[in-house]
C-alpha atoms as a PDB file:
ATOM      1  CA  MET A   1      32.194  22.783 -30.307  1.00  0.00           C
ATOM      2  CA  LYS A   2      32.608  26.423 -29.381  1.00  0.00           C
ATOM      3  CA  THR A   3      32.620  27.334 -25.692  1.00  0.00           C
ATOM      4  CA  ALA A   4      32.440  30.708 -23.984  1.00  0.00           C
ATOM      5  CA  THR A   5      35.631  32.590 -23.205  1.00  0.00           C
ATOM      6  CA  TYR A   6      36.126  34.651 -20.059  1.00  0.00           C
ATOM      7  CA  GLN A   7      35.594  37.848 -22.036  1.00  0.00           C
ATOM      8  CA  LYS A   8      32.354  36.463 -23.368  1.00  0.00           C
ATOM      9  CA  LEU A   9      31.124  36.112 -19.782  1.00  0.00           C
ATOM     10  CA  ILE A  10      31.895  39.812 -19.092  1.00  0.00           C
ATOM     11  CA  GLN A  11      30.163  40.890 -22.280  1.00  0.00           C
ATOM     12  CA  GLY A  12      27.235  38.647 -21.504  1.00  0.00           C
ATOM     13  CA  ASN A  13      26.725  40.255 -18.101  1.00  0.00           C
ATOM     14  CA  ALA A  14      26.700  43.680 -19.687  1.00  0.00           C
ATOM     15  CA  GLU A  15      24.084  42.491 -22.132  1.00  0.00           C
ATOM     16  CA  PHE A  16      22.070  41.021 -19.301  1.00  0.00           C
ATOM     17  CA  CYS A  17      22.070  44.316 -17.415  1.00  0.00           C
ATOM     18  CA  GLU A  18      21.193  46.320 -20.499  1.00  0.00           C
ATOM     19  CA  ARG A  19      18.607  44.044 -22.179  1.00  0.00           C
ATOM     20  CA  VAL A  20      17.338  41.305 -19.865  1.00  0.00           C
ATOM     21  CA  LEU A  21      17.277  42.976 -16.425  1.00  0.00           C
ATOM     22  CA  PRO A  22      14.960  45.820 -17.460  1.00  0.00           C
ATOM     23  CA  GLU A  23      12.409  43.219 -18.703  1.00  0.00           C
ATOM     24  CA  LYS A  24      12.502  41.397 -15.368  1.00  0.00           C
ATOM     25  CA  SER A  25      13.001  44.369 -13.086  1.00  0.00           C
ATOM     26  CA  GLU A  26      10.073  43.539 -10.806  1.00  0.00           C
ATOM     27  CA  LEU A  27      11.291  39.942 -10.349  1.00  0.00           C
ATOM     28  CA  PHE A  28      14.855  40.961  -9.452  1.00  0.00           C
ATOM     29  CA  ALA A  29      13.599  43.738  -7.182  1.00  0.00           C
ATOM     30  CA  GLU A  30      11.609  41.116  -5.259  1.00  0.00           C
ATOM     31  CA  LEU A  31      14.535  38.667  -5.203  1.00  0.00           C
ATOM     32  CA  ALA A  32      16.937  41.370  -3.940  1.00  0.00           C
ATOM     33  CA  SER A  33      15.285  41.098  -0.501  1.00  0.00           C
ATOM     34  CA  GLY A  34      15.265  37.251  -0.196  1.00  0.00           C
ATOM     35  CA  GLN A  35      14.444  33.913  -1.691  1.00  0.00           C
ATOM     36  CA  ARG A  36      11.711  31.320  -1.192  1.00  0.00           C
ATOM     37  CA  PRO A  37      12.262  28.476  -3.655  1.00  0.00           C
ATOM     38  CA  HIS A  38       9.812  25.624  -3.430  1.00  0.00           C
ATOM     39  CA  VAL A  39      12.155  23.135  -5.162  1.00  0.00           C
ATOM     40  CA  THR A  40      15.688  22.122  -4.344  1.00  0.00           C
ATOM     41  CA  MET A  41      17.671  20.277  -7.061  1.00  0.00           C
ATOM     42  CA  VAL A  42      20.756  18.161  -6.383  1.00  0.00           C
ATOM     43  CA  THR A  43      22.416  17.773  -9.762  1.00  0.00           C
ATOM     44  CA  CYS A  44      25.744  17.288 -11.460  1.00  0.00           C
ATOM     45  CA  SER A  45      28.377  19.992 -12.018  1.00  0.00           C
ATOM     46  CA  ASP A  46      28.536  18.965 -15.715  1.00  0.00           C
ATOM     47  CA  SER A  47      28.579  22.048 -17.965  1.00  0.00           C
ATOM     48  CA  ARG A  48      25.926  20.556 -20.175  1.00  0.00           C
ATOM     49  CA  ILE A  49      23.288  20.621 -17.426  1.00  0.00           C
ATOM     50  CA  ASP A  50      21.460  23.949 -16.860  1.00  0.00           C
ATOM     51  CA  PRO A  51      18.697  23.275 -14.317  1.00  0.00           C
ATOM     52  CA  CYS A  52      16.751  26.428 -15.022  1.00  0.00           C
ATOM     53  CA  LEU A  53      17.008  26.010 -18.823  1.00  0.00           C
ATOM     54  CA  ILE A  54      15.870  22.389 -18.867  1.00  0.00           C
ATOM     55  CA  THR A  55      12.919  23.062 -16.545  1.00  0.00           C
ATOM     56  CA  GLN A  56      12.177  26.581 -17.984  1.00  0.00           C
ATOM     57  CA  THR A  57      12.161  28.102 -14.510  1.00  0.00           C
ATOM     58  CA  GLU A  58      13.007  31.639 -13.437  1.00  0.00           C
ATOM     59  CA  PRO A  59      15.616  32.936 -11.019  1.00  0.00           C
ATOM     60  CA  GLY A  60      14.412  32.276  -7.496  1.00  0.00           C
ATOM     61  CA  ASP A  61      12.472  29.119  -8.457  1.00  0.00           C
ATOM     62  CA  LEU A  62      15.237  26.546  -7.784  1.00  0.00           C
ATOM     63  CA  PHE A  63      17.718  26.144  -4.957  1.00  0.00           C
ATOM     64  CA  VAL A  64      20.493  24.217  -6.704  1.00  0.00           C
ATOM     65  CA  ILE A  65      23.178  22.032  -5.132  1.00  0.00           C
ATOM     66  CA  ARG A  66      25.778  20.828  -7.632  1.00  0.00           C
ATOM     67  CA  ASN A  67      28.711  18.468  -7.494  1.00  0.00           C
ATOM     68  CA  ALA A  68      30.319  15.778  -9.617  1.00  0.00           C
ATOM     69  CA  GLY A  69      27.850  12.903  -9.857  1.00  0.00           C
ATOM     70  CA  ASN A  70      24.958  14.563  -8.012  1.00  0.00           C
ATOM     71  CA  ILE A  71      26.059  12.819  -4.842  1.00  0.00           C
ATOM     72  CA  VAL A  72      24.536  13.342  -1.391  1.00  0.00           C
ATOM     73  CA  SER A  73      27.689  12.839   0.691  1.00  0.00           C
ATOM     74  CA  LEU A  74      27.239  11.255   4.120  1.00  0.00           C
ATOM     75  CA  ALA A  75      30.923  11.407   4.975  1.00  0.00           C
ATOM     76  CA  ASN A  76      31.571  12.270   8.633  1.00  0.00           C
ATOM     77  CA  GLY A  77      34.489  14.065  10.209  1.00  0.00           C
ATOM     78  CA  GLY A  78      34.000  17.735   9.286  1.00  0.00           C
ATOM     79  CA  PRO A  79      31.964  20.337   7.525  1.00  0.00           C
ATOM     80  CA  ASN A  80      29.977  19.011   4.541  1.00  0.00           C
ATOM     81  CA  ALA A  81      28.834  21.415   1.806  1.00  0.00           C
ATOM     82  CA  GLU A  82      26.040  19.211   0.494  1.00  0.00           C
ATOM     83  CA  LEU A  83      24.555  18.568   3.926  1.00  0.00           C
ATOM     84  CA  ALA A  84      24.834  22.174   4.953  1.00  0.00           C
ATOM     85  CA  SER A  85      23.026  23.284   1.785  1.00  0.00           C
ATOM     86  CA  LEU A  86      20.328  20.637   2.198  1.00  0.00           C
ATOM     87  CA  GLU A  87      19.771  21.582   5.840  1.00  0.00           C
ATOM     88  CA  PHE A  88      19.403  25.219   4.856  1.00  0.00           C
ATOM     89  CA  ALA A  89      17.000  24.325   2.106  1.00  0.00           C
ATOM     90  CA  VAL A  90      14.755  22.189   4.257  1.00  0.00           C
ATOM     91  CA  ARG A  91      14.933  24.023   7.593  1.00  0.00           C
ATOM     92  CA  GLY A  92      15.794  27.523   6.463  1.00  0.00           C
ATOM     93  CA  LEU A  93      13.888  27.886   3.203  1.00  0.00           C
ATOM     94  CA  GLY A  94      11.126  25.347   3.769  1.00  0.00           C
ATOM     95  CA  THR A  95      11.621  23.738   0.385  1.00  0.00           C
ATOM     96  CA  GLU A  96       8.735  21.421  -0.569  1.00  0.00           C
ATOM     97  CA  HIS A  97      10.517  19.154  -3.058  1.00  0.00           C
ATOM     98  CA  ILE A  98      14.042  17.822  -3.441  1.00  0.00           C
ATOM     99  CA  VAL A  99      14.940  16.464  -6.862  1.00  0.00           C
ATOM    100  CA  VAL A 100      18.066  14.379  -7.418  1.00  0.00           C
ATOM    101  CA  CYS A 101      18.837  14.778 -11.109  1.00  0.00           C
ATOM    102  CA  GLY A 102      21.409  12.543 -12.820  1.00  0.00           C
ATOM    103  CA  HIS A 103      22.119  12.701 -16.568  1.00  0.00           C
ATOM    104  CA  SER A 104      23.300  10.784 -19.573  1.00  0.00           C
ATOM    105  CA  ASP A 105      27.032  10.405 -20.366  1.00  0.00           C
ATOM    106  CA  CYS A 106      27.960  11.302 -16.786  1.00  0.00           C
ATOM    107  CA  GLY A 107      31.720  11.473 -16.321  1.00  0.00           C
ATOM    108  CA  ALA A 108      31.490  10.747 -12.601  1.00  0.00           C
ATOM    109  CA  MET A 109      29.603   7.520 -13.302  1.00  0.00           C
ATOM    110  CA  LYS A 110      32.184   6.611 -16.018  1.00  0.00           C
ATOM    111  CA  GLY A 111      34.880   7.109 -13.391  1.00  0.00           C
ATOM    112  CA  LEU A 112      33.039   4.899 -10.984  1.00  0.00           C
ATOM    113  CA  LEU A 113      32.793   2.154 -13.650  1.00  0.00           C
ATOM    114  CA  ASN A 114      36.451   2.508 -14.605  1.00  0.00           C
ATOM    115  CA  PRO A 115      38.527   3.626 -11.578  1.00  0.00           C
ATOM    116  CA  GLY A 116      41.769   3.400 -13.494  1.00  0.00           C
ATOM    117  CA  ALA A 117      40.724   6.245 -15.741  1.00  0.00           C
ATOM    118  CA  CYS A 118      40.779   8.737 -12.863  1.00  0.00           C
ATOM    119  CA  GLU A 119      43.312   7.240 -10.510  1.00  0.00           C
ATOM    120  CA  HIS A 120      45.632  10.224 -11.249  1.00  0.00           C
ATOM    121  CA  LEU A 121      42.860  12.456  -9.873  1.00  0.00           C
ATOM    122  CA  SER A 122      42.927  11.566  -6.211  1.00  0.00           C
ATOM    123  CA  HIS A 123      40.158  13.881  -5.087  1.00  0.00           C
ATOM    124  CA  VAL A 124      37.873  12.779  -7.944  1.00  0.00           C
ATOM    125  CA  SER A 125      38.522   9.153  -7.178  1.00  0.00           C
ATOM    126  CA  ALA A 126      37.709   9.579  -3.534  1.00  0.00           C
ATOM    127  CA  TRP A 127      34.580  11.565  -4.265  1.00  0.00           C
ATOM    128  CA  VAL A 128      32.987   9.249  -6.848  1.00  0.00           C
ATOM    129  CA  SER A 129      33.755   6.236  -4.657  1.00  0.00           C
ATOM    130  CA  GLU A 130      31.000   7.522  -2.334  1.00  0.00           C
ATOM    131  CA  ALA A 131      28.501   6.323  -4.971  1.00  0.00           C
ATOM    132  CA  SER A 132      30.092   2.823  -5.087  1.00  0.00           C
ATOM    133  CA  PRO A 133      27.034   1.058  -3.524  1.00  0.00           C
ATOM    134  CA  ALA A 134      25.214   1.820  -6.824  1.00  0.00           C
ATOM    135  CA  LEU A 135      27.643  -0.587  -8.613  1.00  0.00           C
ATOM    136  CA  SER A 136      25.623  -3.487  -7.309  1.00  0.00           C
ATOM    137  CA  ALA A 137      23.043  -2.703  -9.898  1.00  0.00           C
ATOM    138  CA  VAL A 138      25.421  -3.378 -12.805  1.00  0.00           C
ATOM    139  CA  GLU A 139      27.140  -6.557 -11.561  1.00  0.00           C
ATOM    140  CA  GLY A 140      27.962  -8.901 -14.435  1.00  0.00           C
ATOM    141  CA  MET A 141      27.345  -6.241 -17.093  1.00  0.00           C
ATOM    142  CA  ASP A 142      29.819  -5.052 -19.723  1.00  0.00           C
ATOM    143  CA  ARG A 143      31.242  -1.927 -18.032  1.00  0.00           C
ATOM    144  CA  GLY A 144      32.095  -0.420 -21.377  1.00  0.00           C
ATOM    145  CA  GLY A 145      28.557  -0.657 -22.684  1.00  0.00           C
ATOM    146  CA  LYS A 146      25.999   2.197 -22.924  1.00  0.00           C
ATOM    147  CA  GLU A 147      23.344   0.155 -21.105  1.00  0.00           C
ATOM    148  CA  CYS A 148      25.633  -0.330 -18.157  1.00  0.00           C
ATOM    149  CA  LEU A 149      26.294   3.390 -17.791  1.00  0.00           C
ATOM    150  CA  GLU A 150      22.562   4.192 -18.105  1.00  0.00           C
ATOM    151  CA  ARG A 151      21.655   1.618 -15.464  1.00  0.00           C
ATOM    152  CA  LEU A 152      24.359   2.900 -13.084  1.00  0.00           C
ATOM    153  CA  THR A 153      23.255   6.494 -13.595  1.00  0.00           C
ATOM    154  CA  GLU A 154      19.710   5.580 -12.555  1.00  0.00           C
ATOM    155  CA  ALA A 155      20.959   3.403  -9.656  1.00  0.00           C
ATOM    156  CA  ASN A 156      23.068   6.312  -8.434  1.00  0.00           C
ATOM    157  CA  VAL A 157      19.960   8.549  -8.397  1.00  0.00           C
ATOM    158  CA  THR A 158      18.050   6.022  -6.320  1.00  0.00           C
ATOM    159  CA  LEU A 159      21.059   5.672  -3.986  1.00  0.00           C
ATOM    160  CA  GLN A 160      21.250   9.412  -3.404  1.00  0.00           C
ATOM    161  CA  VAL A 161      17.474   9.616  -2.701  1.00  0.00           C
ATOM    162  CA  ALA A 162      18.086   6.812  -0.194  1.00  0.00           C
ATOM    163  CA  ASN A 163      20.941   8.849   1.310  1.00  0.00           C
ATOM    164  CA  LEU A 164      18.605  11.797   1.647  1.00  0.00           C
ATOM    165  CA  ARG A 165      16.234   9.695   3.721  1.00  0.00           C
ATOM    166  CA  THR A 166      18.975   8.920   6.264  1.00  0.00           C
ATOM    167  CA  LEU A 167      19.178  12.624   7.162  1.00  0.00           C
ATOM    168  CA  GLY A 168      17.053  13.401  10.198  1.00  0.00           C
ATOM    169  CA  PHE A 169      15.855  16.797   9.006  1.00  0.00           C
ATOM    170  CA  VAL A 170      14.847  15.352   5.600  1.00  0.00           C
ATOM    171  CA  ARG A 171      13.106  12.334   7.103  1.00  0.00           C
ATOM    172  CA  GLU A 172      11.236  14.500   9.604  1.00  0.00           C
ATOM    173  CA  ALA A 173       9.976  16.849   6.961  1.00  0.00           C
ATOM    174  CA  GLU A 174       8.956  13.997   4.605  1.00  0.00           C
ATOM    175  CA  GLU A 175       7.105  12.122   7.317  1.00  0.00           C
ATOM    176  CA  ALA A 176       5.285  15.340   8.304  1.00  0.00           C
ATOM    177  CA  GLY A 177       4.130  15.733   4.698  1.00  0.00           C
ATOM    178  CA  ARG A 178       6.094  18.955   4.196  1.00  0.00           C
ATOM    179  CA  LEU A 179       8.583  17.488   1.739  1.00  0.00           C
ATOM    180  CA  LYS A 180       8.580  15.135  -1.225  1.00  0.00           C
ATOM    181  CA  LEU A 181      11.616  13.477  -2.819  1.00  0.00           C
ATOM    182  CA  HIS A 182      12.031  12.810  -6.527  1.00  0.00           C
ATOM    183  CA  GLY A 183      14.583  11.047  -8.790  1.00  0.00           C
ATOM    184  CA  TRP A 184      15.259  12.217 -12.373  1.00  0.00           C
ATOM    185  CA  VAL A 185      17.593  11.230 -15.193  1.00  0.00           C
ATOM    186  CA  PHE A 186      18.104  13.937 -17.835  1.00  0.00           C
ATOM    187  CA  ASP A 187      18.969  12.863 -21.412  1.00  0.00           C
ATOM    188  CA  ILE A 188      21.293  15.457 -22.892  1.00  0.00           C
ATOM    189  CA  ARG A 189      20.636  14.524 -26.520  1.00  0.00           C
ATOM    190  CA  THR A 190      16.811  14.503 -26.342  1.00  0.00           C
ATOM    191  CA  GLY A 191      16.389  17.019 -23.541  1.00  0.00           C
ATOM    192  CA  ARG A 192      13.878  14.753 -21.846  1.00  0.00           C
ATOM    193  CA  ILE A 193      13.606  14.067 -18.137  1.00  0.00           C
ATOM    194  CA  ARG A 194      12.817  10.534 -17.039  1.00  0.00           C
ATOM    195  CA  GLU A 195      11.399  10.122 -13.577  1.00  0.00           C
ATOM    196  CA  VAL A 196      12.579   7.360 -11.317  1.00  0.00           C
ATOM    197  CA  SER A 197       9.362   6.053  -9.752  1.00  0.00           C
ATOM    198  CA  PRO A 198       8.910   6.522  -5.979  1.00  0.00           C
ATOM    199  CA  ALA A 199       8.300   2.809  -5.636  1.00  0.00           C
ATOM    200  CA  LYS A 200      11.660   2.038  -7.227  1.00  0.00           C
ATOM    201  CA  VAL A 201      13.411   4.550  -5.008  1.00  0.00           C
ATOM    202  CA  GLN A 202      11.714   3.147  -1.940  1.00  0.00           C
ATOM    203  CA  GLY A 203      12.701  -0.367  -2.993  1.00  0.00           C
ATOM    204  CA  THR A 204      16.276   0.724  -3.140  1.00  0.00           C
ATOM    205  CA  VAL A 205      16.074   2.106   0.392  1.00  0.00           C
ATOM    206  CA  ALA A 206      14.539  -1.138   1.647  1.00  0.00           C
ATOM    207  CA  SER A 207      17.127  -3.312  -0.025  1.00  0.00           C
ATOM    208  CA  ALA A 208      19.941  -1.153   1.325  1.00  0.00           C
ATOM    209  CA  ALA A 209      18.703  -1.225   4.886  1.00  0.00           C
END
């Protein structure tokens, strides 16, 4: 599999400025003065996930928050990048939808299933452990099996939607009807998005309460 080199990135930007930008000059002129995205997406840092590509959206359409495992961290004790970004999205930008998007073959979920594989990565181990409540969904399953990884990936999405609902500014906006929460799992091979039903997400919240 061929991946882009640093020089390819520089060349790509030159091509963007020469070929793409002129075609979208009005859009970028508008975006230069501010943003007003209606959708915020919390998704994984995995290089195979391109939120705008898989949803065929334009620059300015999505406010994207990315980290390993699409986790909404509730850790206390200091500044929190995820919470700061979410607060800005909801209170600053007035986003109308938050989508938590997990994906197939997620390395963070593999690390959660097999802690020994990333024990030499102390920061990674500590981070993915924040999703450990999702492991209850795969108790008794073969942790090396594909079905187990798929179920954990979905359970993690529902967990992170539940975490969103613990945030006062999210809960306030949702109860006021200004905000809707969604759970997705993206299949890298097929390109399809599978929605996690609101009832299932709500059920996770109730069971975790």
